[in-house]
Amino acid sequence: MEKSEKKYRLLIQSANDAVFIADAETEIIFEANDRAGKLLGMPVEKIIGMHQSKLHPPNELDRYVEILKKHV
């Protein structure tokens, strides 16, 4: 593993907040840290591959879609 990738992974895993990283086009989560797993109550391996819309309550989904669009 390259030095920069090791630093990246250490940064993600040591964050005090839940971190979810999704592909901007597909919105599929391809990286999450242990805090994210604890927040959702599931293993990180299960989070990876999820569509980001599954992270939000259905009644709030439209709001989060707009937020995501603004930040992509």
N, C-alpha and C. Protein backbone atom coordinates (compact mmCIF):
# COMPACT_ATOMS: atom_id res chain seq x y z
N MET A 1 0.85 -1.17 0.00
CA MET A 1 0.00 0.00 0.00
C MET A 1 0.90 1.24 0.00
N GLU A 2 0.55 2.18 -0.80
CA GLU A 2 1.34 3.41 -0.88
C GLU A 2 1.24 4.21 0.42
N LYS A 3 2.25 5.01 0.67
CA LYS A 3 2.29 5.83 1.88
C LYS A 3 1.09 6.76 1.98
N SER A 4 0.71 7.39 0.86
CA SER A 4 -0.42 8.32 0.89
C SER A 4 -1.74 7.60 1.16
N GLU A 5 -1.87 6.39 0.62
CA GLU A 5 -3.09 5.62 0.88
C GLU A 5 -3.17 5.20 2.35
N LYS A 6 -2.05 4.85 2.93
CA LYS A 6 -2.02 4.51 4.36
C LYS A 6 -2.45 5.70 5.20
N LYS A 7 -1.95 6.89 4.86
CA LYS A 7 -2.33 8.10 5.58
C LYS A 7 -3.83 8.37 5.45
N TYR A 8 -4.34 8.20 4.22
CA TYR A 8 -5.77 8.39 3.94
C TYR A 8 -6.61 7.46 4.81
N ARG A 9 -6.27 6.19 4.82
CA ARG A 9 -7.03 5.21 5.60
C ARG A 9 -6.94 5.48 7.09
N LEU A 10 -5.76 5.88 7.57
CA LEU A 10 -5.60 6.22 8.98
C LEU A 10 -6.46 7.42 9.34
N LEU A 11 -6.50 8.42 8.48
CA LEU A 11 -7.31 9.61 8.72
C LEU A 11 -8.80 9.24 8.81
N ILE A 12 -9.26 8.45 7.88
CA ILE A 12 -10.67 8.04 7.87
C ILE A 12 -11.01 7.23 9.12
N GLN A 13 -10.18 6.25 9.44
CA GLN A 13 -10.47 5.37 10.57
C GLN A 13 -10.33 6.06 11.92
N SER A 14 -9.49 7.07 12.02
CA SER A 14 -9.28 7.73 13.31
C SER A 14 -10.22 8.91 13.53
N ALA A 15 -11.03 9.23 12.55
CA ALA A 15 -11.97 10.36 12.69
C ALA A 15 -12.95 10.08 13.84
N ASN A 16 -13.30 11.13 14.57
CA ASN A 16 -14.27 11.00 15.66
C ASN A 16 -15.71 10.98 15.16
N ASP A 17 -15.90 11.29 13.89
CA ASP A 17 -17.24 11.30 13.29
C ASP A 17 -17.40 10.13 12.34
N ALA A 18 -18.64 9.81 12.05
CA ALA A 18 -18.92 8.80 11.03
C ALA A 18 -18.54 9.38 9.67
N VAL A 19 -17.83 8.59 8.88
CA VAL A 19 -17.41 9.03 7.55
C VAL A 19 -17.97 8.05 6.53
N PHE A 20 -18.70 8.58 5.57
CA PHE A 20 -19.23 7.81 4.45
C PHE A 20 -18.71 8.47 3.18
N ILE A 21 -18.12 7.69 2.29
CA ILE A 21 -17.65 8.24 1.02
C ILE A 21 -18.36 7.48 -0.08
N ALA A 22 -19.04 8.24 -0.94
CA ALA A 22 -19.83 7.64 -2.01
C ALA A 22 -19.36 8.16 -3.36
N ASP A 23 -19.57 7.35 -4.38
CA ASP A 23 -19.29 7.76 -5.75
C ASP A 23 -20.27 8.87 -6.11
N ALA A 24 -19.76 9.96 -6.66
CA ALA A 24 -20.60 11.13 -6.97
C ALA A 24 -21.66 10.82 -8.02
N GLU A 25 -21.39 9.94 -8.94
CA GLU A 25 -22.35 9.64 -10.00
C GLU A 25 -23.39 8.59 -9.57
N THR A 26 -22.92 7.51 -8.97
CA THR A 26 -23.84 6.42 -8.63
C THR A 26 -24.43 6.56 -7.23
N GLU A 27 -23.78 7.37 -6.39
CA GLU A 27 -24.17 7.57 -4.99
C GLU A 27 -24.05 6.29 -4.17
N ILE A 28 -23.23 5.37 -4.63
CA ILE A 28 -22.98 4.12 -3.91
C ILE A 28 -21.80 4.34 -2.97
N ILE A 29 -21.97 3.94 -1.72
CA ILE A 29 -20.93 4.10 -0.72
C ILE A 29 -19.81 3.09 -0.99
N PHE A 30 -18.59 3.60 -1.07
CA PHE A 30 -17.46 2.70 -1.29
C PHE A 30 -16.45 2.73 -0.15
N GLU A 31 -16.69 3.59 0.83
CA GLU A 31 -15.80 3.67 1.99
C GLU A 31 -16.61 4.17 3.18
N ALA A 32 -16.36 3.60 4.33
CA ALA A 32 -16.99 4.04 5.58
C ALA A 32 -16.05 3.63 6.71
N ASN A 33 -16.09 4.39 7.79
CA ASN A 33 -15.23 4.05 8.91
C ASN A 33 -16.01 3.31 9.99
N ASP A 34 -15.28 2.89 11.04
CA ASP A 34 -15.91 2.13 12.12
C ASP A 34 -16.98 2.93 12.84
N ARG A 35 -16.78 4.25 12.94
CA ARG A 35 -17.81 5.10 13.57
C ARG A 35 -19.11 5.06 12.78
N ALA A 36 -19.01 4.99 11.47
CA ALA A 36 -20.20 4.89 10.63
C ALA A 36 -20.95 3.60 10.95
N GLY A 37 -20.19 2.52 11.10
CA GLY A 37 -20.81 1.24 11.45
C GLY A 37 -21.51 1.30 12.80
N LYS A 38 -20.87 1.95 13.77
CA LYS A 38 -21.49 2.08 15.09
C LYS A 38 -22.75 2.94 15.02
N LEU A 39 -22.70 4.02 14.25
CA LEU A 39 -23.86 4.89 14.10
C LEU A 39 -25.06 4.14 13.54
N LEU A 40 -24.80 3.31 12.53
CA LEU A 40 -25.89 2.57 11.89
C LEU A 40 -26.18 1.23 12.55
N GLY A 41 -25.29 0.80 13.44
CA GLY A 41 -25.48 -0.48 14.11
C GLY A 41 -25.30 -1.67 13.18
N MET A 42 -24.36 -1.54 12.26
CA MET A 42 -24.08 -2.64 11.34
C MET A 42 -22.60 -2.63 10.96
N PRO A 43 -22.10 -3.76 10.51
CA PRO A 43 -20.69 -3.79 10.12
C PRO A 43 -20.44 -2.94 8.87
N VAL A 44 -19.24 -2.36 8.82
CA VAL A 44 -18.85 -1.51 7.70
C VAL A 44 -18.99 -2.27 6.39
N GLU A 45 -18.69 -3.55 6.40
CA GLU A 45 -18.78 -4.36 5.18
C GLU A 45 -20.19 -4.35 4.59
N LYS A 46 -21.18 -4.19 5.45
CA LYS A 46 -22.57 -4.13 4.99
C LYS A 46 -22.93 -2.75 4.44
N ILE A 47 -22.29 -1.72 4.95
CA ILE A 47 -22.54 -0.35 4.51
C ILE A 47 -21.97 -0.14 3.11
N ILE A 48 -20.77 -0.67 2.90
CA ILE A 48 -20.13 -0.52 1.59
C ILE A 48 -20.98 -1.24 0.54
N GLY A 49 -21.30 -0.51 -0.50
CA GLY A 49 -22.17 -1.04 -1.55
C GLY A 49 -23.60 -0.54 -1.45
N MET A 50 -23.95 0.09 -0.32
CA MET A 50 -25.29 0.65 -0.15
C MET A 50 -25.42 1.94 -0.95
N HIS A 51 -26.62 2.25 -1.38
CA HIS A 51 -26.90 3.55 -1.98
C HIS A 51 -27.02 4.54 -0.82
N GLN A 52 -26.46 5.73 -0.99
CA GLN A 52 -26.45 6.71 0.10
C GLN A 52 -27.85 7.08 0.58
N SER A 53 -28.85 6.91 -0.25
CA SER A 53 -30.22 7.25 0.16
C SER A 53 -30.70 6.37 1.31
N LYS A 54 -30.09 5.21 1.50
CA LYS A 54 -30.48 4.31 2.59
C LYS A 54 -30.04 4.84 3.95
N LEU A 55 -29.21 5.89 3.96
CA LEU A 55 -28.74 6.46 5.21
C LEU A 55 -29.74 7.44 5.82
N HIS A 56 -30.74 7.84 5.07
CA HIS A 56 -31.65 8.91 5.49
C HIS A 56 -33.07 8.39 5.68
N PRO A 57 -33.79 8.99 6.63
CA PRO A 57 -35.19 8.62 6.81
C PRO A 57 -35.98 8.94 5.53
N PRO A 58 -36.91 8.08 5.14
CA PRO A 58 -37.67 8.31 3.90
C PRO A 58 -38.34 9.69 3.83
N ASN A 59 -38.83 10.18 4.95
CA ASN A 59 -39.51 11.49 4.93
C ASN A 59 -38.53 12.66 4.78
N GLU A 60 -37.24 12.41 4.89
CA GLU A 60 -36.22 13.45 4.74
C GLU A 60 -35.40 13.27 3.46
N LEU A 61 -35.69 12.25 2.69
CA LEU A 61 -34.86 11.89 1.54
C LEU A 61 -34.73 13.02 0.53
N ASP A 62 -35.82 13.68 0.18
CA ASP A 62 -35.75 14.76 -0.81
C ASP A 62 -34.81 15.87 -0.36
N ARG A 63 -34.84 16.20 0.89
CA ARG A 63 -33.96 17.24 1.43
C ARG A 63 -32.50 16.83 1.30
N TYR A 64 -32.19 15.58 1.63
CA TYR A 64 -30.82 15.11 1.54
C TYR A 64 -30.34 14.98 0.09
N VAL A 65 -31.23 14.65 -0.81
CA VAL A 65 -30.87 14.59 -2.24
C VAL A 65 -30.44 15.98 -2.70
N GLU A 66 -31.16 17.00 -2.30
CA GLU A 66 -30.80 18.38 -2.68
C GLU A 66 -29.47 18.80 -2.07
N ILE A 67 -29.24 18.44 -0.83
CA ILE A 67 -27.97 18.76 -0.18
C ILE A 67 -26.82 18.10 -0.91
N LEU A 68 -26.99 16.84 -1.27
CA LEU A 68 -25.95 16.12 -1.99
C LEU A 68 -25.66 16.76 -3.33
N LYS A 69 -26.69 17.14 -4.06
CA LYS A 69 -26.52 17.78 -5.36
C LYS A 69 -25.71 19.07 -5.25
N LYS A 70 -25.95 19.83 -4.19
CA LYS A 70 -25.23 21.09 -3.99
C LYS A 70 -23.75 20.87 -3.73
N HIS A 71 -23.41 19.74 -3.12
CA HIS A 71 -22.03 19.48 -2.72
C HIS A 71 -21.23 18.64 -3.72
N VAL A 72 -21.88 18.14 -4.72
CA VAL A 72 -21.16 17.32 -5.70
C VAL A 72 -20.58 18.21 -6.79
